Amino acid sequence: MKPNPLSADLYHILDHTRDLWEDLRGARLFITGGTGFFGCWLLESFLFANEMLDLKASATVLTRRPDSVKNTLPHLMLDPAVTLIKGDVRNFEFPKGEYSHVIHAATETTLVDPLDKFISNIEGTRRVLDFALASGAGKFLFTSSGAVYGKQPSDMTHIPESYLGAPEPSDLTTAYGQSKRASEFLCTTYANKYGFQATIARCFAFVGPRLPLDSNYAIGNFIQDAMMGVPIKISGDGTAYRSHLYAADLAIWLWTILLRGKSCHPYNVGSENDLSIEDLAMVVASSIAPGLSIQIAQQHISGESIKRYVPMLQRAKIELGLQEFIKLSDSIQRTAKWCAL
């Protein structure tokens, strides 16, 4: 058997979550989005802890293409602790039996029509909440997004959970953020009405193995350019600010929020170590291909406000003791190394 290329990351996750896993001894988990970036890291770390600690726990994963994911992710999807069920998150048939924990990490980002995207995410969340209620689950985790805050004020360097901003309702490009905001309301309503614990993780930006390099994630695009040895291309003016949490740290945060977080009490998840897109490109270049040039497509317009998408993390750090462990340059190198395999 080939060694798992993520073994160092999995031991890192286990080292910082070891006191949590006893809560999942003998547990039955139900996971949506289990084949996506978040879901794969949750499933990978769950199965590793399950084996290492002999938890005798199991996970049921909802997917639209079970046969396909068995081929693309065999070490996860063919694990004896995993059961795949075929279905769409909006109308799947409920599996039988009781489940102790439900993780709703599925989200629709590919639909072009704003109404379709909004309705799909809302219907999916409600269906999974109905399943959590029917299965007797005591704990529910919803992976929300920093998009619920709408446009971050340029004079606010880090956005806290207490910020009451919201996506502009007349802006059709905000369908994703609107749907996440409404889904949080659904989670809170169900938890208060029916008595189970619904924890909410407002996720920002991340980097790590399994992050698509050819999608709309700037850091993924930059890593791909650097690995190909071509100039790193910035499509905007490079002044916007972002921050990125490494995927293994993300898994630590999500498991901790599920098992230790307060119900209906959202936690920002991400990194506070912000830098401009131009500086991010420079870090990627220096981490993978020193000396690589950077091309910026647009010039910054004088007087135009700087865009930001950076969380404040004091709630998670103070209440749950969470930290950022992996530095950005190390995160980039680990991602590139995994992608090169």
C-alpha atoms as a PDB file:
ATOM      1  CA  MET A   1       0.000   0.000   0.000  1.00  0.00           C
ATOM      2  CA  LYS A   2       1.313   3.432  -0.943  1.00  0.00           C
ATOM      3  CA  PRO A   3       1.875   5.852   1.945  1.00  0.00           C
ATOM      4  CA  ASN A   4      -0.735   8.583   2.225  1.00  0.00           C
ATOM      5  CA  PRO A   5       0.841  11.826   0.895  1.00  0.00           C
ATOM      6  CA  LEU A   6      -1.234  13.728   3.457  1.00  0.00           C
ATOM      7  CA  SER A   7      -0.013  11.694   6.442  1.00  0.00           C
ATOM      8  CA  ALA A   8       1.909  14.615   8.007  1.00  0.00           C
ATOM      9  CA  ASP A   9      -1.196  16.808   7.762  1.00  0.00           C
ATOM     10  CA  LEU A  10      -3.405  14.062   9.181  1.00  0.00           C
ATOM     11  CA  TYR A  11      -1.136  13.578  12.181  1.00  0.00           C
ATOM     12  CA  HIS A  12      -1.164  17.373  12.617  1.00  0.00           C
ATOM     13  CA  ILE A  13      -4.966  17.357  12.684  1.00  0.00           C
ATOM     14  CA  LEU A  14      -5.074  14.422  15.097  1.00  0.00           C
ATOM     15  CA  ASP A  15      -2.527  16.040  17.425  1.00  0.00           C
ATOM     16  CA  HIS A  16      -4.741  19.124  17.764  1.00  0.00           C
ATOM     17  CA  THR A  17      -8.112  17.353  17.980  1.00  0.00           C
ATOM     18  CA  ARG A  18      -7.268  14.270  20.021  1.00  0.00           C
ATOM     19  CA  ASP A  19      -9.475  15.283  22.949  1.00  0.00           C
ATOM     20  CA  LEU A  20     -12.477  15.724  20.624  1.00  0.00           C
ATOM     21  CA  TRP A  21     -12.717  12.316  19.031  1.00  0.00           C
ATOM     22  CA  GLU A  22     -14.080  10.483  22.064  1.00  0.00           C
ATOM     23  CA  ASP A  23     -17.340  12.328  21.314  1.00  0.00           C
ATOM     24  CA  LEU A  24     -17.502  10.395  18.036  1.00  0.00           C
ATOM     25  CA  ARG A  25     -16.818   6.918  19.416  1.00  0.00           C
ATOM     26  CA  GLY A  26     -19.425   4.673  17.838  1.00  0.00           C
ATOM     27  CA  ALA A  27     -21.028   7.661  16.132  1.00  0.00           C
ATOM     28  CA  ARG A  28     -22.920   7.655  12.834  1.00  0.00           C
ATOM     29  CA  LEU A  29     -22.192  10.739  10.724  1.00  0.00           C
ATOM     30  CA  PHE A  30     -24.057  12.011   7.694  1.00  0.00           C
ATOM     31  CA  ILE A  31     -22.078  14.301   5.379  1.00  0.00           C
ATOM     32  CA  THR A  32     -23.118  16.345   2.357  1.00  0.00           C
ATOM     33  CA  GLY A  33     -20.437  17.842   0.135  1.00  0.00           C
ATOM     34  CA  GLY A  34     -18.165  14.964   1.107  1.00  0.00           C
ATOM     35  CA  THR A  35     -16.401  14.979  -2.255  1.00  0.00           C
ATOM     36  CA  GLY A  36     -15.622  18.716  -2.275  1.00  0.00           C
ATOM     37  CA  PHE A  37     -12.648  20.565  -0.814  1.00  0.00           C
ATOM     38  CA  PHE A  38     -14.110  20.881   2.699  1.00  0.00           C
ATOM     39  CA  GLY A  39     -15.778  17.482   2.650  1.00  0.00           C
ATOM     40  CA  CYS A  40     -12.692  15.561   1.536  1.00  0.00           C
ATOM     41  CA  TRP A  41     -10.610  17.069   4.329  1.00  0.00           C
ATOM     42  CA  LEU A  42     -13.290  16.287   6.895  1.00  0.00           C
ATOM     43  CA  LEU A  43     -13.692  12.738   5.612  1.00  0.00           C
ATOM     44  CA  GLU A  44      -9.941  12.156   5.327  1.00  0.00           C
ATOM     45  CA  SER A  45      -9.294  13.335   8.892  1.00  0.00           C
ATOM     46  CA  PHE A  46     -12.316  11.444  10.239  1.00  0.00           C
ATOM     47  CA  LEU A  47     -11.214   8.156   8.695  1.00  0.00           C
ATOM     48  CA  PHE A  48      -7.653   8.655   9.932  1.00  0.00           C
ATOM     49  CA  ALA A  49      -8.821   9.281  13.513  1.00  0.00           C
ATOM     50  CA  ASN A  50     -11.323   6.437  13.222  1.00  0.00           C
ATOM     51  CA  GLU A  51      -8.509   4.020  12.414  1.00  0.00           C
ATOM     52  CA  MET A  52      -5.864   5.405  14.747  1.00  0.00           C
ATOM     53  CA  LEU A  53      -8.180   5.600  17.771  1.00  0.00           C
ATOM     54  CA  ASP A  54     -10.395   2.609  16.897  1.00  0.00           C
ATOM     55  CA  LEU A  55     -13.524   4.759  17.201  1.00  0.00           C
ATOM     56  CA  LYS A  56     -15.767   2.266  15.438  1.00  0.00           C
ATOM     57  CA  ALA A  57     -17.599   5.219  13.933  1.00  0.00           C
ATOM     58  CA  SER A  58     -19.078   5.416  10.440  1.00  0.00           C
ATOM     59  CA  ALA A  59     -19.988   8.057   7.878  1.00  0.00           C
ATOM     60  CA  THR A  60     -22.685   8.140   5.225  1.00  0.00           C
ATOM     61  CA  VAL A  61     -21.812  10.441   2.322  1.00  0.00           C
ATOM     62  CA  LEU A  62     -24.405  11.885  -0.024  1.00  0.00           C
ATOM     63  CA  THR A  63     -23.222  12.246  -3.625  1.00  0.00           C
ATOM     64  CA  ARG A  64     -24.815  12.602  -7.039  1.00  0.00           C
ATOM     65  CA  ARG A  65     -22.162  10.361  -8.625  1.00  0.00           C
ATOM     66  CA  PRO A  66     -21.208   7.454  -6.313  1.00  0.00           C
ATOM     67  CA  ASP A  67     -19.628   5.344  -9.059  1.00  0.00           C
ATOM     68  CA  SER A  68     -17.458   8.248 -10.217  1.00  0.00           C
ATOM     69  CA  VAL A  69     -16.162   9.169  -6.758  1.00  0.00           C
ATOM     70  CA  LYS A  70     -15.282   5.540  -6.043  1.00  0.00           C
ATOM     71  CA  ASN A  71     -12.849   5.805  -8.944  1.00  0.00           C
ATOM     72  CA  THR A  72     -11.483   9.272  -8.199  1.00  0.00           C
ATOM     73  CA  LEU A  73     -11.284   8.933  -4.387  1.00  0.00           C
ATOM     74  CA  PRO A  74     -11.017   5.184  -3.742  1.00  0.00           C
ATOM     75  CA  HIS A  75      -9.060   5.422  -0.477  1.00  0.00           C
ATOM     76  CA  LEU A  76     -11.907   7.475   0.994  1.00  0.00           C
ATOM     77  CA  MET A  77     -15.032   6.199  -0.692  1.00  0.00           C
ATOM     78  CA  LEU A  78     -14.149   2.501  -0.494  1.00  0.00           C
ATOM     79  CA  ASP A  79     -13.213   2.618   3.185  1.00  0.00           C
ATOM     80  CA  PRO A  80     -15.388   0.116   5.094  1.00  0.00           C
ATOM     81  CA  ALA A  81     -16.492   2.900   7.458  1.00  0.00           C
ATOM     82  CA  VAL A  82     -18.020   4.864   4.560  1.00  0.00           C
ATOM     83  CA  THR A  83     -21.402   4.302   2.952  1.00  0.00           C
ATOM     84  CA  LEU A  84     -22.273   6.197  -0.222  1.00  0.00           C
ATOM     85  CA  ILE A  85     -25.844   7.086  -1.088  1.00  0.00           C
ATOM     86  CA  LYS A  86     -26.880   8.555  -4.391  1.00  0.00           C
ATOM     87  CA  GLY A  87     -28.987  11.687  -4.458  1.00  0.00           C
ATOM     88  CA  ASP A  88     -29.298  15.422  -4.833  1.00  0.00           C
ATOM     89  CA  VAL A  89     -29.050  17.449  -1.636  1.00  0.00           C
ATOM     90  CA  ARG A  90     -32.366  19.138  -2.463  1.00  0.00           C
ATOM     91  CA  ASN A  91     -34.500  15.990  -2.589  1.00  0.00           C
ATOM     92  CA  PHE A  92     -32.469  12.937  -1.506  1.00  0.00           C
ATOM     93  CA  GLU A  93     -34.191   9.950   0.046  1.00  0.00           C
ATOM     94  CA  PHE A  94     -33.446   9.772   3.755  1.00  0.00           C
ATOM     95  CA  PRO A  95     -31.277   6.791   4.740  1.00  0.00           C
ATOM     96  CA  LYS A  96     -32.760   4.657   7.481  1.00  0.00           C
ATOM     97  CA  GLY A  97     -31.653   4.591  11.086  1.00  0.00           C
ATOM     98  CA  GLU A  98     -30.445   7.144  13.586  1.00  0.00           C
ATOM     99  CA  TYR A  99     -27.494   9.469  13.070  1.00  0.00           C
ATOM    100  CA  SER A 100     -25.678  11.346  15.806  1.00  0.00           C
ATOM    101  CA  HIS A 101     -24.000  14.112  13.764  1.00  0.00           C
ATOM    102  CA  VAL A 102     -24.860  15.816  10.471  1.00  0.00           C
ATOM    103  CA  ILE A 103     -22.397  17.961   8.497  1.00  0.00           C
ATOM    104  CA  HIS A 104     -23.857  20.044   5.685  1.00  0.00           C
ATOM    105  CA  ALA A 105     -20.877  21.093   3.560  1.00  0.00           C
ATOM    106  CA  ALA A 106     -22.541  20.907   0.136  1.00  0.00           C
ATOM    107  CA  THR A 107     -23.066  24.202  -1.662  1.00  0.00           C
ATOM    108  CA  GLU A 108     -24.040  25.210  -5.165  1.00  0.00           C
ATOM    109  CA  THR A 109     -21.590  27.609  -6.792  1.00  0.00           C
ATOM    110  CA  THR A 110     -21.657  26.485 -10.422  1.00  0.00           C
ATOM    111  CA  LEU A 111     -25.173  27.552 -11.406  1.00  0.00           C
ATOM    112  CA  VAL A 112     -25.167  30.762 -13.450  1.00  0.00           C
ATOM    113  CA  ASP A 113     -28.736  31.895 -12.886  1.00  0.00           C
ATOM    114  CA  PRO A 114     -28.899  33.797  -9.550  1.00  0.00           C
ATOM    115  CA  LEU A 115     -32.368  32.484  -8.712  1.00  0.00           C
ATOM    116  CA  ASP A 116     -31.371  28.884  -9.393  1.00  0.00           C
ATOM    117  CA  LYS A 117     -28.265  29.283  -7.206  1.00  0.00           C
ATOM    118  CA  PHE A 118     -30.226  30.888  -4.357  1.00  0.00           C
ATOM    119  CA  ILE A 119     -33.118  28.408  -4.406  1.00  0.00           C
ATOM    120  CA  SER A 120     -30.815  25.392  -4.767  1.00  0.00           C
ATOM    121  CA  ASN A 121     -28.810  26.283  -1.663  1.00  0.00           C
ATOM    122  CA  ILE A 122     -31.899  27.107   0.403  1.00  0.00           C
ATOM    123  CA  GLU A 123     -33.739  23.937  -0.588  1.00  0.00           C
ATOM    124  CA  GLY A 124     -30.626  21.861   0.068  1.00  0.00           C
ATOM    125  CA  THR A 125     -30.147  23.278   3.551  1.00  0.00           C
ATOM    126  CA  ARG A 126     -33.778  22.751   4.484  1.00  0.00           C
ATOM    127  CA  ARG A 127     -33.719  19.169   3.204  1.00  0.00           C
ATOM    128  CA  VAL A 128     -30.619  18.343   5.265  1.00  0.00           C
ATOM    129  CA  LEU A 129     -32.147  19.999   8.338  1.00  0.00           C
ATOM    130  CA  ASP A 130     -35.291  17.900   7.856  1.00  0.00           C
ATOM    131  CA  PHE A 131     -33.079  14.819   7.694  1.00  0.00           C
ATOM    132  CA  ALA A 132     -31.199  15.827  10.857  1.00  0.00           C
ATOM    133  CA  LEU A 133     -34.542  16.141  12.624  1.00  0.00           C
ATOM    134  CA  ALA A 134     -35.852  12.816  11.295  1.00  0.00           C
ATOM    135  CA  SER A 135     -32.653  10.931  12.131  1.00  0.00           C
ATOM    136  CA  GLY A 136     -32.442  12.180  15.711  1.00  0.00           C
ATOM    137  CA  ALA A 137     -29.110  13.940  15.218  1.00  0.00           C
ATOM    138  CA  GLY A 138     -27.984  15.885  18.244  1.00  0.00           C
ATOM    139  CA  LYS A 139     -25.390  18.032  16.451  1.00  0.00           C
ATOM    140  CA  PHE A 140     -25.433  19.750  13.082  1.00  0.00           C
ATOM    141  CA  LEU A 141     -22.628  21.706  11.389  1.00  0.00           C
ATOM    142  CA  PHE A 142     -23.348  24.152   8.579  1.00  0.00           C
ATOM    143  CA  THR A 143     -20.452  25.498   6.544  1.00  0.00           C
ATOM    144  CA  SER A 144     -21.516  29.042   5.789  1.00  0.00           C
ATOM    145  CA  SER A 145     -19.417  31.828   4.261  1.00  0.00           C
ATOM    146  CA  GLY A 146     -17.949  35.244   4.925  1.00  0.00           C
ATOM    147  CA  ALA A 147     -20.123  36.289   1.975  1.00  0.00           C
ATOM    148  CA  VAL A 148     -23.002  36.710   4.461  1.00  0.00           C
ATOM    149  CA  TYR A 149     -21.467  40.046   5.501  1.00  0.00           C
ATOM    150  CA  GLY A 150     -21.703  41.575   2.046  1.00  0.00           C
ATOM    151  CA  LYS A 151     -19.073  44.107   1.041  1.00  0.00           C
ATOM    152  CA  GLN A 152     -16.483  44.591   3.785  1.00  0.00           C
ATOM    153  CA  PRO A 153     -15.945  48.287   4.567  1.00  0.00           C
ATOM    154  CA  SER A 154     -12.516  49.388   3.329  1.00  0.00           C
ATOM    155  CA  ASP A 155     -11.716  50.951   6.723  1.00  0.00           C
ATOM    156  CA  MET A 156     -12.498  47.680   8.551  1.00  0.00           C
ATOM    157  CA  THR A 157      -9.329  45.599   8.374  1.00  0.00           C
ATOM    158  CA  HIS A 158     -10.873  42.445   9.873  1.00  0.00           C
ATOM    159  CA  ILE A 159     -14.584  41.690   9.915  1.00  0.00           C
ATOM    160  CA  PRO A 160     -16.083  40.385  13.202  1.00  0.00           C
ATOM    161  CA  GLU A 161     -19.135  38.171  13.633  1.00  0.00           C
ATOM    162  CA  SER A 162     -20.914  41.137  15.239  1.00  0.00           C
ATOM    163  CA  TYR A 163     -20.825  43.147  12.010  1.00  0.00           C
ATOM    164  CA  LEU A 164     -24.408  43.650  10.828  1.00  0.00           C
ATOM    165  CA  GLY A 165     -23.679  44.343   7.175  1.00  0.00           C
ATOM    166  CA  ALA A 166     -25.292  42.184   4.521  1.00  0.00           C
ATOM    167  CA  PRO A 167     -25.172  41.538   0.776  1.00  0.00           C
ATOM    168  CA  GLU A 168     -26.996  44.161  -1.279  1.00  0.00           C
ATOM    169  CA  PRO A 169     -30.426  42.619  -2.082  1.00  0.00           C
ATOM    170  CA  SER A 170     -30.651  44.385  -5.456  1.00  0.00           C
ATOM    171  CA  ASP A 171     -27.289  42.988  -6.594  1.00  0.00           C
ATOM    172  CA  LEU A 172     -27.859  39.701  -8.411  1.00  0.00           C
ATOM    173  CA  THR A 173     -24.184  38.743  -8.063  1.00  0.00           C
ATOM    174  CA  THR A 174     -24.762  38.275  -4.313  1.00  0.00           C
ATOM    175  CA  ALA A 175     -26.997  35.191  -4.725  1.00  0.00           C
ATOM    176  CA  TYR A 176     -24.421  32.951  -3.022  1.00  0.00           C
ATOM    177  CA  GLY A 177     -24.065  35.199   0.031  1.00  0.00           C
ATOM    178  CA  GLN A 178     -27.823  35.729   0.214  1.00  0.00           C
ATOM    179  CA  SER A 179     -28.405  31.963   0.188  1.00  0.00           C
ATOM    180  CA  LYS A 180     -25.832  31.364   2.917  1.00  0.00           C
ATOM    181  CA  ARG A 181     -27.403  34.094   5.044  1.00  0.00           C
ATOM    182  CA  ALA A 182     -30.893  32.620   4.617  1.00  0.00           C
ATOM    183  CA  SER A 183     -29.520  29.133   5.323  1.00  0.00           C
ATOM    184  CA  GLU A 184     -28.070  30.348   8.624  1.00  0.00           C
ATOM    185  CA  PHE A 185     -31.545  31.598   9.514  1.00  0.00           C
ATOM    186  CA  LEU A 186     -32.991  28.187   8.686  1.00  0.00           C
ATOM    187  CA  CYS A 187     -30.389  26.475  10.888  1.00  0.00           C
ATOM    188  CA  THR A 188     -31.149  28.799  13.790  1.00  0.00           C
ATOM    189  CA  THR A 189     -34.906  28.376  13.367  1.00  0.00           C
ATOM    190  CA  TYR A 190     -34.741  24.570  13.291  1.00  0.00           C
ATOM    191  CA  ALA A 191     -32.351  24.386  16.238  1.00  0.00           C
ATOM    192  CA  ASN A 192     -34.541  26.582  18.407  1.00  0.00           C
ATOM    193  CA  LYS A 193     -37.786  24.931  17.363  1.00  0.00           C
ATOM    194  CA  TYR A 194     -36.674  21.308  17.549  1.00  0.00           C
ATOM    195  CA  GLY A 195     -33.948  21.352  20.189  1.00  0.00           C
ATOM    196  CA  PHE A 196     -30.806  20.116  18.434  1.00  0.00           C
ATOM    197  CA  GLN A 197     -27.463  21.929  18.322  1.00  0.00           C
ATOM    198  CA  ALA A 198     -26.730  23.773  15.065  1.00  0.00           C
ATOM    199  CA  THR A 199     -23.213  25.158  14.794  1.00  0.00           C
ATOM    200  CA  ILE A 200     -22.237  27.569  12.045  1.00  0.00           C
ATOM    201  CA  ALA A 201     -18.792  28.068  10.489  1.00  0.00           C
ATOM    202  CA  ARG A 202     -18.481  31.241   8.389  1.00  0.00           C
ATOM    203  CA  CYS A 203     -15.669  30.246   6.083  1.00  0.00           C
ATOM    204  CA  PHE A 204     -13.408  32.681   4.212  1.00  0.00           C
ATOM    205  CA  ALA A 205     -10.436  31.708   1.982  1.00  0.00           C
ATOM    206  CA  PHE A 206      -8.231  28.613   2.116  1.00  0.00           C
ATOM    207  CA  VAL A 207      -5.304  26.878   0.488  1.00  0.00           C
ATOM    208  CA  GLY A 208      -4.161  23.281   0.477  1.00  0.00           C
ATOM    209  CA  PRO A 209      -4.223  19.974  -1.378  1.00  0.00           C
ATOM    210  CA  ARG A 210      -7.428  19.430  -3.374  1.00  0.00           C
ATOM    211  CA  LEU A 211      -7.983  23.154  -3.897  1.00  0.00           C
ATOM    212  CA  PRO A 212      -8.821  23.539  -7.613  1.00  0.00           C
ATOM    213  CA  LEU A 213      -6.017  25.393  -9.376  1.00  0.00           C
ATOM    214  CA  ASP A 214      -8.047  26.236 -12.468  1.00  0.00           C
ATOM    215  CA  SER A 215     -11.123  27.687 -10.775  1.00  0.00           C
ATOM    216  CA  ASN A 216     -11.896  31.193  -9.514  1.00  0.00           C
ATOM    217  CA  TYR A 217      -9.508  31.052  -6.538  1.00  0.00           C
ATOM    218  CA  ALA A 218      -6.655  33.514  -7.053  1.00  0.00           C
ATOM    219  CA  ILE A 219      -4.184  31.596  -4.918  1.00  0.00           C
ATOM    220  CA  GLY A 220      -4.891  28.401  -6.854  1.00  0.00           C
ATOM    221  CA  ASN A 221      -4.376  30.192 -10.171  1.00  0.00           C
ATOM    222  CA  PHE A 222      -1.103  31.663  -8.887  1.00  0.00           C
ATOM    223  CA  ILE A 223       0.172  28.260  -7.728  1.00  0.00           C
ATOM    224  CA  GLN A 224      -0.673  26.761 -11.105  1.00  0.00           C
ATOM    225  CA  ASP A 225       1.203  29.545 -12.939  1.00  0.00           C
ATOM    226  CA  ALA A 226       4.239  29.134 -10.670  1.00  0.00           C
ATOM    227  CA  MET A 227       4.299  25.351 -11.098  1.00  0.00           C
ATOM    228  CA  MET A 228       4.172  25.802 -14.883  1.00  0.00           C
ATOM    229  CA  GLY A 229       6.998  28.342 -14.726  1.00  0.00           C
ATOM    230  CA  VAL A 230       4.985  31.055 -16.458  1.00  0.00           C
ATOM    231  CA  PRO A 231       4.456  34.629 -15.207  1.00  0.00           C
ATOM    232  CA  ILE A 232       1.869  34.863 -12.457  1.00  0.00           C
ATOM    233  CA  LYS A 233      -1.131  36.749 -13.842  1.00  0.00           C
ATOM    234  CA  ILE A 234      -3.273  39.044 -11.708  1.00  0.00           C
ATOM    235  CA  SER A 235      -6.537  39.834 -13.484  1.00  0.00           C
ATOM    236  CA  GLY A 236      -7.338  42.889 -11.330  1.00  0.00           C
ATOM    237  CA  ASP A 237      -5.141  45.662  -9.957  1.00  0.00           C
ATOM    238  CA  GLY A 238      -3.614  43.577  -7.145  1.00  0.00           C
ATOM    239  CA  THR A 239      -4.701  45.885  -4.327  1.00  0.00           C
ATOM    240  CA  ALA A 240      -7.488  43.776  -2.795  1.00  0.00           C
ATOM    241  CA  TYR A 241      -6.679  42.110   0.534  1.00  0.00           C
ATOM    242  CA  ARG A 242      -7.175  38.422   1.284  1.00  0.00           C
ATOM    243  CA  SER A 243      -5.978  35.878   3.841  1.00  0.00           C
ATOM    244  CA  HIS A 244      -5.729  32.092   3.600  1.00  0.00           C
ATOM    245  CA  LEU A 245      -5.940  29.301   6.176  1.00  0.00           C
ATOM    246  CA  TYR A 246      -4.281  25.974   5.388  1.00  0.00           C
ATOM    247  CA  ALA A 247      -6.639  23.042   4.805  1.00  0.00           C
ATOM    248  CA  ALA A 248      -5.329  20.920   7.699  1.00  0.00           C
ATOM    249  CA  ASP A 249      -5.941  23.823  10.081  1.00  0.00           C
ATOM    250  CA  LEU A 250      -9.390  24.242   8.499  1.00  0.00           C
ATOM    251  CA  ALA A 251     -10.213  20.636   9.430  1.00  0.00           C
ATOM    252  CA  ILE A 252      -9.140  21.283  13.030  1.00  0.00           C
ATOM    253  CA  TRP A 253     -11.399  24.329  13.178  1.00  0.00           C
ATOM    254  CA  LEU A 254     -14.436  22.612  11.661  1.00  0.00           C
ATOM    255  CA  TRP A 255     -14.253  19.554  13.931  1.00  0.00           C
ATOM    256  CA  THR A 256     -13.830  21.806  16.951  1.00  0.00           C
ATOM    257  CA  ILE A 257     -16.798  23.977  15.994  1.00  0.00           C
ATOM    258  CA  LEU A 258     -19.002  20.918  15.417  1.00  0.00           C
ATOM    259  CA  LEU A 259     -18.087  19.291  18.718  1.00  0.00           C
ATOM    260  CA  ARG A 260     -17.384  22.276  21.002  1.00  0.00           C
ATOM    261  CA  GLY A 261     -19.032  25.283  19.382  1.00  0.00           C
ATOM    262  CA  LYS A 262     -22.093  27.051  20.757  1.00  0.00           C
ATOM    263  CA  SER A 263     -25.342  26.462  18.938  1.00  0.00           C
ATOM    264  CA  CYS A 264     -26.606  29.257  16.649  1.00  0.00           C
ATOM    265  CA  HIS A 265     -23.456  31.242  17.429  1.00  0.00           C
ATOM    266  CA  PRO A 266     -21.502  31.705  14.160  1.00  0.00           C
ATOM    267  CA  TYR A 267     -17.718  31.471  14.138  1.00  0.00           C
ATOM    268  CA  ASN A 268     -15.513  33.055  11.487  1.00  0.00           C
ATOM    269  CA  VAL A 269     -13.084  30.529   9.993  1.00  0.00           C
ATOM    270  CA  GLY A 270     -10.001  31.649   8.092  1.00  0.00           C
ATOM    271  CA  SER A 271      -6.774  33.544   8.662  1.00  0.00           C
ATOM    272  CA  GLU A 272      -6.144  37.002  10.085  1.00  0.00           C
ATOM    273  CA  ASN A 273      -2.775  37.263   8.290  1.00  0.00           C
ATOM    274  CA  ASP A 274      -3.893  39.464   5.419  1.00  0.00           C
ATOM    275  CA  LEU A 275      -1.914  40.717   2.452  1.00  0.00           C
ATOM    276  CA  SER A 276      -2.681  42.256  -0.918  1.00  0.00           C
ATOM    277  CA  ILE A 277      -3.236  40.099  -3.982  1.00  0.00           C
ATOM    278  CA  GLU A 278       0.002  41.456  -5.425  1.00  0.00           C
ATOM    279  CA  ASP A 279       1.904  40.505  -2.274  1.00  0.00           C
ATOM    280  CA  LEU A 280       0.199  37.105  -2.326  1.00  0.00           C
ATOM    281  CA  ALA A 281       1.475  36.539  -5.857  1.00  0.00           C
ATOM    282  CA  MET A 282       4.969  37.468  -4.673  1.00  0.00           C
ATOM    283  CA  VAL A 283       4.782  34.962  -1.802  1.00  0.00           C
ATOM    284  CA  VAL A 284       3.625  32.229  -4.195  1.00  0.00           C
ATOM    285  CA  ALA A 285       6.478  33.018  -6.573  1.00  0.00           C
ATOM    286  CA  SER A 286       9.121  33.054  -3.834  1.00  0.00           C
ATOM    287  CA  SER A 287       7.744  29.813  -2.338  1.00  0.00           C
ATOM    288  CA  ILE A 288       7.668  27.833  -5.591  1.00  0.00           C
ATOM    289  CA  ALA A 289       9.698  29.564  -8.304  1.00  0.00           C
ATOM    290  CA  PRO A 290      11.878  32.424  -7.016  1.00  0.00           C
ATOM    291  CA  GLY A 291      12.438  35.114  -9.611  1.00  0.00           C
ATOM    292  CA  LEU A 292       9.206  34.424 -11.487  1.00  0.00           C
ATOM    293  CA  SER A 293       7.664  37.616 -12.874  1.00  0.00           C
ATOM    294  CA  ILE A 294       4.205  38.910 -11.978  1.00  0.00           C
ATOM    295  CA  GLN A 295       1.851  40.535 -14.470  1.00  0.00           C
ATOM    296  CA  ILE A 296      -0.898  42.878 -13.240  1.00  0.00           C
ATOM    297  CA  ALA A 297      -3.699  43.453 -15.760  1.00  0.00           C
ATOM    298  CA  GLN A 298      -5.141  46.671 -14.363  1.00  0.00           C
ATOM    299  CA  GLN A 299      -3.932  49.849 -12.700  1.00  0.00           C
ATOM    300  CA  HIS A 300      -5.443  50.959  -9.438  1.00  0.00           C
ATOM    301  CA  ILE A 301      -7.686  53.988  -9.850  1.00  0.00           C
ATOM    302  CA  SER A 302      -6.592  56.783  -7.538  1.00  0.00           C
ATOM    303  CA  GLY A 303      -9.078  57.383  -4.744  1.00  0.00           C
ATOM    304  CA  GLU A 304     -10.900  54.080  -5.244  1.00  0.00           C
ATOM    305  CA  SER A 305     -11.452  52.136  -2.017  1.00  0.00           C
ATOM    306  CA  ILE A 306      -9.441  48.992  -1.407  1.00  0.00           C
ATOM    307  CA  LYS A 307     -11.472  45.774  -1.332  1.00  0.00           C
ATOM    308  CA  ARG A 308     -11.017  43.448   1.620  1.00  0.00           C
ATOM    309  CA  TYR A 309     -12.188  39.955   2.572  1.00  0.00           C
ATOM    310  CA  VAL A 310     -10.485  39.191   5.867  1.00  0.00           C
ATOM    311  CA  PRO A 311     -12.043  37.762   9.052  1.00  0.00           C
ATOM    312  CA  MET A 312     -11.549  38.634  12.693  1.00  0.00           C
ATOM    313  CA  LEU A 313     -11.059  35.390  14.612  1.00  0.00           C
ATOM    314  CA  GLN A 314     -11.210  36.415  18.259  1.00  0.00           C
ATOM    315  CA  ARG A 315     -14.435  34.519  18.934  1.00  0.00           C
ATOM    316  CA  ALA A 316     -12.991  31.172  17.820  1.00  0.00           C
ATOM    317  CA  LYS A 317      -9.622  31.822  19.445  1.00  0.00           C
ATOM    318  CA  ILE A 318     -10.989  32.933  22.813  1.00  0.00           C
ATOM    319  CA  GLU A 319     -14.010  30.634  23.138  1.00  0.00           C
ATOM    320  CA  LEU A 320     -12.610  27.499  21.465  1.00  0.00           C
ATOM    321  CA  GLY A 321      -8.840  27.960  21.810  1.00  0.00           C
ATOM    322  CA  LEU A 322      -8.298  27.680  18.049  1.00  0.00           C
ATOM    323  CA  GLN A 323      -5.119  28.836  16.317  1.00  0.00           C
ATOM    324  CA  GLU A 324      -3.511  29.198  12.912  1.00  0.00           C
ATOM    325  CA  PHE A 325      -0.594  26.765  12.845  1.00  0.00           C
ATOM    326  CA  ILE A 326       0.699  26.492   9.278  1.00  0.00           C
ATOM    327  CA  LYS A 327       2.366  29.569   7.760  1.00  0.00           C
ATOM    328  CA  LEU A 328       1.315  30.763   4.318  1.00  0.00           C
ATOM    329  CA  SER A 329       4.601  29.971   2.565  1.00  0.00           C
ATOM    330  CA  ASP A 330       4.559  26.440   3.996  1.00  0.00           C
ATOM    331  CA  SER A 331       0.892  26.089   2.982  1.00  0.00           C
ATOM    332  CA  ILE A 332       1.741  27.052  -0.590  1.00  0.00           C
ATOM    333  CA  GLN A 333       4.686  24.654  -0.772  1.00  0.00           C
ATOM    334  CA  ARG A 334       2.641  21.762   0.633  1.00  0.00           C
ATOM    335  CA  THR A 335      -0.132  22.452  -1.874  1.00  0.00           C
ATOM    336  CA  ALA A 336       2.284  22.567  -4.812  1.00  0.00           C
ATOM    337  CA  LYS A 337       4.046  19.387  -3.658  1.00  0.00           C
ATOM    338  CA  TRP A 338       0.745  17.510  -3.459  1.00  0.00           C
ATOM    339  CA  CYS A 339      -0.390  18.808  -6.864  1.00  0.00           C
ATOM    340  CA  ALA A 340       2.857  17.622  -8.420  1.00  0.00           C
ATOM    341  CA  LEU A 341       2.251  13.998  -7.367  1.00  0.00           C
END
